[in-house]
Each structure stands twice: as C-alpha cells, then as structure tokens.
C-alpha atoms as a PDB file:
ATOM      1  CA  MET A   1     114.055 119.428 103.600  1.00  0.00           C
ATOM      2  CA  ALA A   2     114.550 118.673 107.275  1.00  0.00           C
ATOM      3  CA  PHE A   3     111.535 118.685 109.538  1.00  0.00           C
ATOM      4  CA  GLU A   4     111.869 120.445 112.877  1.00  0.00           C
ATOM      5  CA  GLU A   5     109.773 119.592 115.916  1.00  0.00           C
ATOM      6  CA  TYR A   6     107.486 122.134 117.540  1.00  0.00           C
ATOM      7  CA  ASP A   7     109.251 124.367 120.044  1.00  0.00           C
ATOM      8  CA  ASP A   8     108.912 123.704 123.773  1.00  0.00           C
ATOM      9  CA  PHE A   9     106.492 126.581 124.424  1.00  0.00           C
ATOM     10  CA  GLU A  10     104.070 125.528 121.736  1.00  0.00           C
ATOM     11  CA  GLN A  11     104.265 121.882 122.758  1.00  0.00           C
ATOM     12  CA  GLU A  12     103.547 122.852 126.376  1.00  0.00           C
ATOM     13  CA  GLN A  13     100.478 124.885 125.421  1.00  0.00           C
ATOM     14  CA  ILE A  14      99.077 122.124 123.229  1.00  0.00           C
ATOM     15  CA  VAL A  15      99.641 119.489 125.891  1.00  0.00           C
ATOM     16  CA  LYS A  16      97.946 121.683 128.515  1.00  0.00           C
ATOM     17  CA  ASP A  17      94.901 122.119 126.287  1.00  0.00           C
ATOM     18  CA  TRP A  18      94.827 118.405 125.488  1.00  0.00           C
ATOM     19  CA  ILE A  19      94.981 117.428 129.162  1.00  0.00           C
ATOM     20  CA  LYS A  20      92.314 120.002 130.059  1.00  0.00           C
ATOM     21  CA  ASN A  21      89.933 118.555 127.504  1.00  0.00           C
ATOM     22  CA  ASN A  22      90.728 114.906 128.210  1.00  0.00           C
ATOM     23  CA  TRP A  23      91.337 114.793 131.956  1.00  0.00           C
ATOM     24  CA  PHE A  24      88.817 112.033 132.562  1.00  0.00           C
ATOM     25  CA  THR A  25      90.205 109.703 129.914  1.00  0.00           C
ATOM     26  CA  ILE A  26      93.763 110.307 131.088  1.00  0.00           C
ATOM     27  CA  THR A  27      92.811 109.740 134.708  1.00  0.00           C
ATOM     28  CA  LEU A  28      91.085 106.520 133.733  1.00  0.00           C
ATOM     29  CA  GLY A  29      94.219 105.376 131.948  1.00  0.00           C
ATOM     30  CA  ILE A  30      96.352 106.104 135.000  1.00  0.00           C
ATOM     31  CA  VAL A  31      93.959 104.215 137.246  1.00  0.00           C
ATOM     32  CA  LEU A  32      94.038 101.235 134.923  1.00  0.00           C
ATOM     33  CA  GLY A  33      97.817 101.399 134.705  1.00  0.00           C
ATOM     34  CA  LEU A  34      98.019 101.218 138.483  1.00  0.00           C
ATOM     35  CA  GLY A  35      95.918  98.110 138.486  1.00  0.00           C
ATOM     36  CA  GLY A  36      92.658  99.817 139.432  1.00  0.00           C
ATOM     37  CA  VAL A  37      93.710 100.334 143.045  1.00  0.00           C
ATOM     38  CA  PHE A  38      91.084 103.007 143.524  1.00  0.00           C
ATOM     39  CA  GLY A  39      88.363 100.998 141.842  1.00  0.00           C
ATOM     40  CA  LEU A  40      85.734 102.166 139.396  1.00  0.00           C
ATOM     41  CA  ASN A  41      82.548 100.969 141.004  1.00  0.00           C
ATOM     42  CA  PHE A  42      80.299 102.581 138.428  1.00  0.00           C
ATOM     43  CA  TYR A  43      81.750 100.422 135.653  1.00  0.00           C
ATOM     44  CA  LYS A  44      80.574  96.879 135.135  1.00  0.00           C
ATOM     45  CA  SER A  45      83.205  94.193 135.580  1.00  0.00           C
ATOM     46  CA  SER A  46      83.172  93.355 131.871  1.00  0.00           C
ATOM     47  CA  GLN A  47      83.915  96.972 131.016  1.00  0.00           C
ATOM     48  CA  GLN A  48      86.753  97.004 133.500  1.00  0.00           C
ATOM     49  CA  GLU A  49      88.268  93.877 131.997  1.00  0.00           C
ATOM     50  CA  THR A  50      88.132  95.419 128.524  1.00  0.00           C
ATOM     51  CA  ARG A  51      89.912  98.527 129.745  1.00  0.00           C
ATOM     52  CA  TYR A  52      92.565  96.484 131.551  1.00  0.00           C
ATOM     53  CA  LYS A  53      93.188  94.585 128.351  1.00  0.00           C
ATOM     54  CA  ILE A  54      93.490  97.766 126.280  1.00  0.00           C
ATOM     55  CA  ALA A  55      95.860  99.301 128.831  1.00  0.00           C
ATOM     56  CA  ASN A  56      98.018  96.163 128.794  1.00  0.00           C
ATOM     57  CA  GLN A  57      98.104  96.146 124.983  1.00  0.00           C
ATOM     58  CA  TYR A  58      99.289  99.734 125.007  1.00  0.00           C
ATOM     59  CA  LYS A  59     101.964  98.867 127.588  1.00  0.00           C
ATOM     60  CA  THR A  60     103.220  96.081 125.321  1.00  0.00           C
ATOM     61  CA  PHE A  61     103.345  98.524 122.425  1.00  0.00           C
ATOM     62  CA  THR A  62     105.393 101.079 124.380  1.00  0.00           C
ATOM     63  CA  ASP A  63     107.770  98.362 125.597  1.00  0.00           C
ATOM     64  CA  VAL A  64     108.472  97.408 121.973  1.00  0.00           C
ATOM     65  CA  MET A  65     108.922 101.073 121.044  1.00  0.00           C
ATOM     66  CA  GLU A  66     111.555 101.434 123.763  1.00  0.00           C
ATOM     67  CA  LEU A  67     113.484  98.611 122.104  1.00  0.00           C
ATOM     68  CA  SER A  68     113.439 100.615 118.830  1.00  0.00           C
ATOM     69  CA  GLU A  69     111.572  97.788 117.107  1.00  0.00           C
ATOM     70  CA  PHE A  70     109.369 100.159 115.179  1.00  0.00           C
ATOM     71  CA  ASP A  71     108.163  97.726 112.502  1.00  0.00           C
ATOM     72  CA  GLU A  72     107.100  95.285 115.194  1.00  0.00           C
ATOM     73  CA  ALA A  73     105.433  98.139 117.103  1.00  0.00           C
ATOM     74  CA  LYS A  74     103.503  99.076 113.969  1.00  0.00           C
ATOM     75  CA  THR A  75     102.346  95.472 113.568  1.00  0.00           C
ATOM     76  CA  LEU A  76     101.221  95.381 117.196  1.00  0.00           C
ATOM     77  CA  LEU A  77      99.326  98.626 116.768  1.00  0.00           C
ATOM     78  CA  THR A  78      97.562  97.305 113.672  1.00  0.00           C
ATOM     79  CA  GLU A  79      96.472  94.212 115.609  1.00  0.00           C
ATOM     80  CA  PHE A  80      95.562  96.301 118.650  1.00  0.00           C
ATOM     81  CA  GLU A  81      93.394  98.627 116.580  1.00  0.00           C
ATOM     82  CA  ALA A  82      91.727  95.791 114.671  1.00  0.00           C
ATOM     83  CA  GLU A  83      90.716  94.186 117.943  1.00  0.00           C
ATOM     84  CA  SER A  84      89.845  97.226 120.049  1.00  0.00           C
ATOM     85  CA  GLY A  85      89.020  99.928 117.499  1.00  0.00           C
ATOM     86  CA  SER A  86      90.178 103.515 117.810  1.00  0.00           C
ATOM     87  CA  ASN A  87      90.526 104.843 121.339  1.00  0.00           C
ATOM     88  CA  PHE A  88      92.720 107.106 123.441  1.00  0.00           C
ATOM     89  CA  TYR A  89      95.526 104.541 123.538  1.00  0.00           C
ATOM     90  CA  THR A  90      95.608 103.818 119.801  1.00  0.00           C
ATOM     91  CA  ILE A  91      95.667 107.536 119.047  1.00  0.00           C
ATOM     92  CA  GLU A  92      98.566 108.020 121.451  1.00  0.00           C
ATOM     93  CA  ALA A  93     100.340 105.048 119.839  1.00  0.00           C
ATOM     94  CA  HIS A  94     100.011 106.569 116.363  1.00  0.00           C
ATOM     95  CA  LEU A  95     101.413 109.847 117.688  1.00  0.00           C
ATOM     96  CA  LEU A  96     104.383 108.066 119.275  1.00  0.00           C
ATOM     97  CA  LEU A  97     105.160 106.289 116.018  1.00  0.00           C
ATOM     98  CA  ALA A  98     104.808 109.524 114.052  1.00  0.00           C
ATOM     99  CA  LYS A  99     107.210 111.273 116.412  1.00  0.00           C
ATOM    100  CA  GLN A 100     109.786 108.520 115.995  1.00  0.00           C
ATOM    101  CA  PHE A 101     109.440 108.478 112.205  1.00  0.00           C
ATOM    102  CA  ILE A 102     109.978 112.239 112.197  1.00  0.00           C
ATOM    103  CA  LYS A 103     113.165 111.778 114.227  1.00  0.00           C
ATOM    104  CA  ASN A 104     114.287 109.202 111.669  1.00  0.00           C
ATOM    105  CA  ASN A 105     113.382 111.624 108.849  1.00  0.00           C
ATOM    106  CA  ASP A 106     110.949 109.044 107.467  1.00  0.00           C
ATOM    107  CA  LEU A 107     108.288 111.630 106.793  1.00  0.00           C
ATOM    108  CA  GLU A 108     106.034 109.547 104.558  1.00  0.00           C
ATOM    109  CA  LYS A 109     105.558 107.017 107.381  1.00  0.00           C
ATOM    110  CA  ALA A 110     105.026 109.847 109.870  1.00  0.00           C
ATOM    111  CA  ALA A 111     102.341 111.293 107.599  1.00  0.00           C
ATOM    112  CA  ASP A 112     100.599 107.914 107.445  1.00  0.00           C
ATOM    113  CA  GLU A 113     100.440 107.758 111.246  1.00  0.00           C
ATOM    114  CA  LEU A 114      99.045 111.283 111.515  1.00  0.00           C
ATOM    115  CA  ASN A 115      96.450 110.550 108.847  1.00  0.00           C
ATOM    116  CA  SER A 116      95.395 107.546 110.937  1.00  0.00           C
ATOM    117  CA  VAL A 117      94.824 109.839 113.907  1.00  0.00           C
ATOM    118  CA  ILE A 118      92.716 112.231 111.841  1.00  0.00           C
ATOM    119  CA  ALA A 119      90.696 109.297 110.472  1.00  0.00           C
ATOM    120  CA  ALA A 120      89.972 108.192 114.048  1.00  0.00           C
ATOM    121  CA  LYS A 121      88.134 111.505 114.578  1.00  0.00           C
ATOM    122  CA  PRO A 122      89.375 112.489 118.047  1.00  0.00           C
ATOM    123  CA  ASP A 123      88.166 115.756 119.590  1.00  0.00           C
ATOM    124  CA  GLN A 124      88.548 118.993 117.651  1.00  0.00           C
ATOM    125  CA  LEU A 125      91.659 120.194 119.472  1.00  0.00           C
ATOM    126  CA  MET A 126      93.604 117.001 118.847  1.00  0.00           C
ATOM    127  CA  THR A 127      92.372 116.795 115.250  1.00  0.00           C
ATOM    128  CA  GLU A 128      93.517 120.310 114.430  1.00  0.00           C
ATOM    129  CA  PHE A 129      96.824 119.920 116.268  1.00  0.00           C
ATOM    130  CA  VAL A 130      97.539 116.811 114.178  1.00  0.00           C
ATOM    131  CA  LYS A 131      96.462 118.589 110.993  1.00  0.00           C
ATOM    132  CA  LEU A 132      99.039 121.305 111.684  1.00  0.00           C
ATOM    133  CA  ARG A 133     101.815 118.805 112.234  1.00  0.00           C
ATOM    134  CA  LEU A 134     100.792 116.975 109.065  1.00  0.00           C
ATOM    135  CA  ALA A 135     100.744 120.271 107.155  1.00  0.00           C
ATOM    136  CA  ARG A 136     104.349 120.949 108.188  1.00  0.00           C
ATOM    137  CA  ILE A 137     105.341 117.473 107.046  1.00  0.00           C
ATOM    138  CA  ASN A 138     103.591 118.072 103.723  1.00  0.00           C
ATOM    139  CA  ASN A 139     105.612 121.245 103.287  1.00  0.00           C
ATOM    140  CA  ALA A 140     108.791 119.287 103.971  1.00  0.00           C
ATOM    141  CA  LEU A 141     107.689 116.749 101.338  1.00  0.00           C
ATOM    142  CA  ALA A 142     106.941 119.569  98.862  1.00  0.00           C
ATOM    143  CA  LYS A 143     103.216 118.777  99.015  1.00  0.00           C
ATOM    144  CA  HIS A 144     102.359 122.419  99.464  1.00  0.00           C
ATOM    145  CA  ASP A 145      98.792 122.321  98.183  1.00  0.00           C
ATOM    146  CA  ASP A 146      98.038 119.536 100.656  1.00  0.00           C
ATOM    147  CA  ALA A 147      99.568 121.662 103.418  1.00  0.00           C
ATOM    148  CA  LEU A 148      97.393 124.616 102.452  1.00  0.00           C
ATOM    149  CA  ALA A 149      94.251 122.483 102.444  1.00  0.00           C
ATOM    150  CA  LEU A 150      95.012 121.459 106.024  1.00  0.00           C
ATOM    151  CA  THR A 151      95.814 124.959 107.281  1.00  0.00           C
ATOM    152  CA  ASN A 152      92.647 126.319 105.704  1.00  0.00           C
ATOM    153  CA  SER A 153      90.609 123.841 107.763  1.00  0.00           C
ATOM    154  CA  ILE A 154      91.869 125.158 111.118  1.00  0.00           C
ATOM    155  CA  SER A 155      89.124 126.882 113.111  1.00  0.00           C
ATOM    156  CA  ILE A 156      90.441 127.000 116.698  1.00  0.00           C
ATOM    157  CA  GLU A 157      91.584 130.567 117.312  1.00  0.00           C
ATOM    158  CA  SER A 158      94.615 129.625 119.427  1.00  0.00           C
ATOM    159  CA  LEU A 159      95.995 127.537 116.538  1.00  0.00           C
ATOM    160  CA  LYS A 160      95.418 130.002 113.706  1.00  0.00           C
ATOM    161  CA  SER A 161      98.737 131.790 114.238  1.00  0.00           C
ATOM    162  CA  ILE A 162     100.574 128.496 113.713  1.00  0.00           C
ATOM    163  CA  ALA A 163      98.401 127.708 110.697  1.00  0.00           C
ATOM    164  CA  LYS A 164      99.184 131.062 109.091  1.00  0.00           C
ATOM    165  CA  GLU A 165     102.929 130.589 109.483  1.00  0.00           C
ATOM    166  CA  ILE A 166     102.730 127.151 107.882  1.00  0.00           C
ATOM    167  CA  GLU A 167     100.573 128.686 105.143  1.00  0.00           C
ATOM    168  CA  GLY A 168     103.227 131.324 104.558  1.00  0.00           C
ATOM    169  CA  ASP A 169     105.924 128.664 104.258  1.00  0.00           C
ATOM    170  CA  ALA A 170     103.852 126.814 101.656  1.00  0.00           C
ATOM    171  CA  LEU A 171     103.160 129.975  99.661  1.00  0.00           C
ATOM    172  CA  ILE A 172     106.856 130.898  99.575  1.00  0.00           C
ATOM    173  CA  ALA A 173     107.639 127.467  98.178  1.00  0.00           C
ATOM    174  CA  LYS A 174     104.967 128.024  95.517  1.00  0.00           C
ATOM    175  CA  GLY A 175     106.475 131.389  94.620  1.00  0.00           C
ATOM    176  CA  GLU A 176     103.440 133.362  95.822  1.00  0.00           C
ATOM    177  CA  TYR A 177     105.453 135.868  97.813  1.00  0.00           C
ATOM    178  CA  ASP A 178     102.867 138.607  98.389  1.00  0.00           C
ATOM    179  CA  LYS A 179     100.382 136.056  99.755  1.00  0.00           C
ATOM    180  CA  ALA A 180     103.135 134.545 101.900  1.00  0.00           C
ATOM    181  CA  ILE A 181     103.976 137.901 103.472  1.00  0.00           C
ATOM    182  CA  ALA A 182     100.296 138.527 104.188  1.00  0.00           C
ATOM    183  CA  ALA A 183     100.046 135.109 105.868  1.00  0.00           C
ATOM    184  CA  PHE A 184     103.147 135.753 107.974  1.00  0.00           C
ATOM    185  CA  GLU A 185     101.825 139.151 109.056  1.00  0.00           C
ATOM    186  CA  GLU A 186      98.523 137.556 110.030  1.00  0.00           C
ATOM    187  CA  SER A 187     100.441 134.935 112.006  1.00  0.00           C
ATOM    188  CA  ILE A 188     102.163 137.673 114.000  1.00  0.00           C
ATOM    189  CA  GLU A 189      98.858 139.474 114.578  1.00  0.00           C
ATOM    190  CA  ASN A 190      97.291 136.276 115.943  1.00  0.00           C
ATOM    191  CA  GLY A 191     100.268 135.187 118.051  1.00  0.00           C
ATOM    192  CA  GLU A 192     103.785 133.945 117.391  1.00  0.00           C
ATOM    193  CA  GLY A 193     103.263 130.971 115.098  1.00  0.00           C
ATOM    194  CA  TYR A 194     105.356 127.944 115.949  1.00  0.00           C
ATOM    195  CA  SER A 195     108.802 129.480 115.463  1.00  0.00           C
ATOM    196  CA  GLY A 196     108.305 132.791 117.278  1.00  0.00           C
ATOM    197  CA  LYS A 197     107.702 136.381 116.224  1.00  0.00           C
ATOM    198  CA  SER A 198     111.351 137.213 115.495  1.00  0.00           C
ATOM    199  CA  ASN A 199     111.715 134.200 113.190  1.00  0.00           C
ATOM    200  CA  ILE A 200     108.542 135.076 111.324  1.00  0.00           C
ATOM    201  CA  GLU A 201     109.773 138.648 110.896  1.00  0.00           C
ATOM    202  CA  MET A 202     112.995 137.233 109.441  1.00  0.00           C
ATOM    203  CA  LYS A 203     110.953 135.187 106.992  1.00  0.00           C
ATOM    204  CA  ILE A 204     109.139 138.353 105.903  1.00  0.00           C
ATOM    205  CA  GLU A 205     112.427 140.222 105.453  1.00  0.00           C
ATOM    206  CA  ASN A 206     113.870 137.376 103.386  1.00  0.00           C
ATOM    207  CA  THR A 207     110.799 136.947 101.173  1.00  0.00           C
END
C-alpha cells in the first residue's frame, strides 16, 4: 500500500504550530548557523562551543543527505546522537531521514526514525504529530492495531480530526465498518482530517 504525504494545508498548519512553540530554539539554531554574529552574551563560552559543534554536526549530516548517501547519513546521526544526546537537531535529522525513506517507500526504516523521535520525548505537539505520521505508516504496513493505539493517544484538539480519519482507515482494513464510519464522521465534525472533507465523505460512501 503506497504511503501519501500530508497535504500542503495540513503541513503548513503543523509547521506553524511547531515554530510557534519552538521559536527560541529555532532562532538559536539560526544564530549558530550564521556563526553567532549577534552573539549570545548570556551563554558561557563553553556552552557556545558545544552549540557550535552540534550545529556543525547537523550541517555535515544535511550535506550527506543532499548527496543521497542515506546509509552514511544514518551512521553520522547515530554517532551524533551518541555524542550529543537528543536535541532539536537530532530530532530534525530523524524527521529528514523518515521523510526520505517514505519517498523511497521504505516504510519500515521510516517507522524506525519516527519511533526514535517519539523516544526522544520532544514537546507534546511534535510528539503527537509524529505519532500520527507513524500511525499512517502502520496502516500502510497493515499494522492496524498499532495505528489505533497511536491515534487513541492523541489529546491535542487540533489533531483529533486527523487521528479520527486514520482510525477510520484502520477500522476499514479490520472490517469494522460501522466503527469506521463513526470515526470518519467524527473526523468531519472536528475538522477535515488530513485528506479533506470531500475525501472523507467519499470514504464513508464507499464503506
């Protein structure tokens, strides 16, 4: 079963929420990427050096990704994480690898990367966003009970519509059609899922 990426609208909303909740970390990363031209006087020099190093490690990782050397990028990330622990950059690196594995239809590897993000325990928004993406991959891998376990753990209201659509997809695959329709209807009530209201209504009609 092919796995489709989130639509542009949904991706935009998630990114906006992520930036809103992580503006300081992102700004810090930009400052470090620019060589600290604005300075961070309230950080000790040792802390600055550590952050420069982490930023440079991430830059090396993305350079390797651009060369499509994904196995080497994975090795670099493993070394990076072992040395620096989980942080904003390692989480972003796992997400980049997951995205590429999805494009290559290597869903098991993509799932491994997303599980690594969840294990790193980022903030709630990022955790639940990743859980939803992992749930969709589990559906594509016919791991429908695993998908349902993930959707049932979603508590952020703005993501529940997406969760309910994914839940409906899993229930259809399990042959639980009445429950699937109820989930799809709840998805429409809460929003437009990830595929849009008209597509969800088509799923209901075809169930």
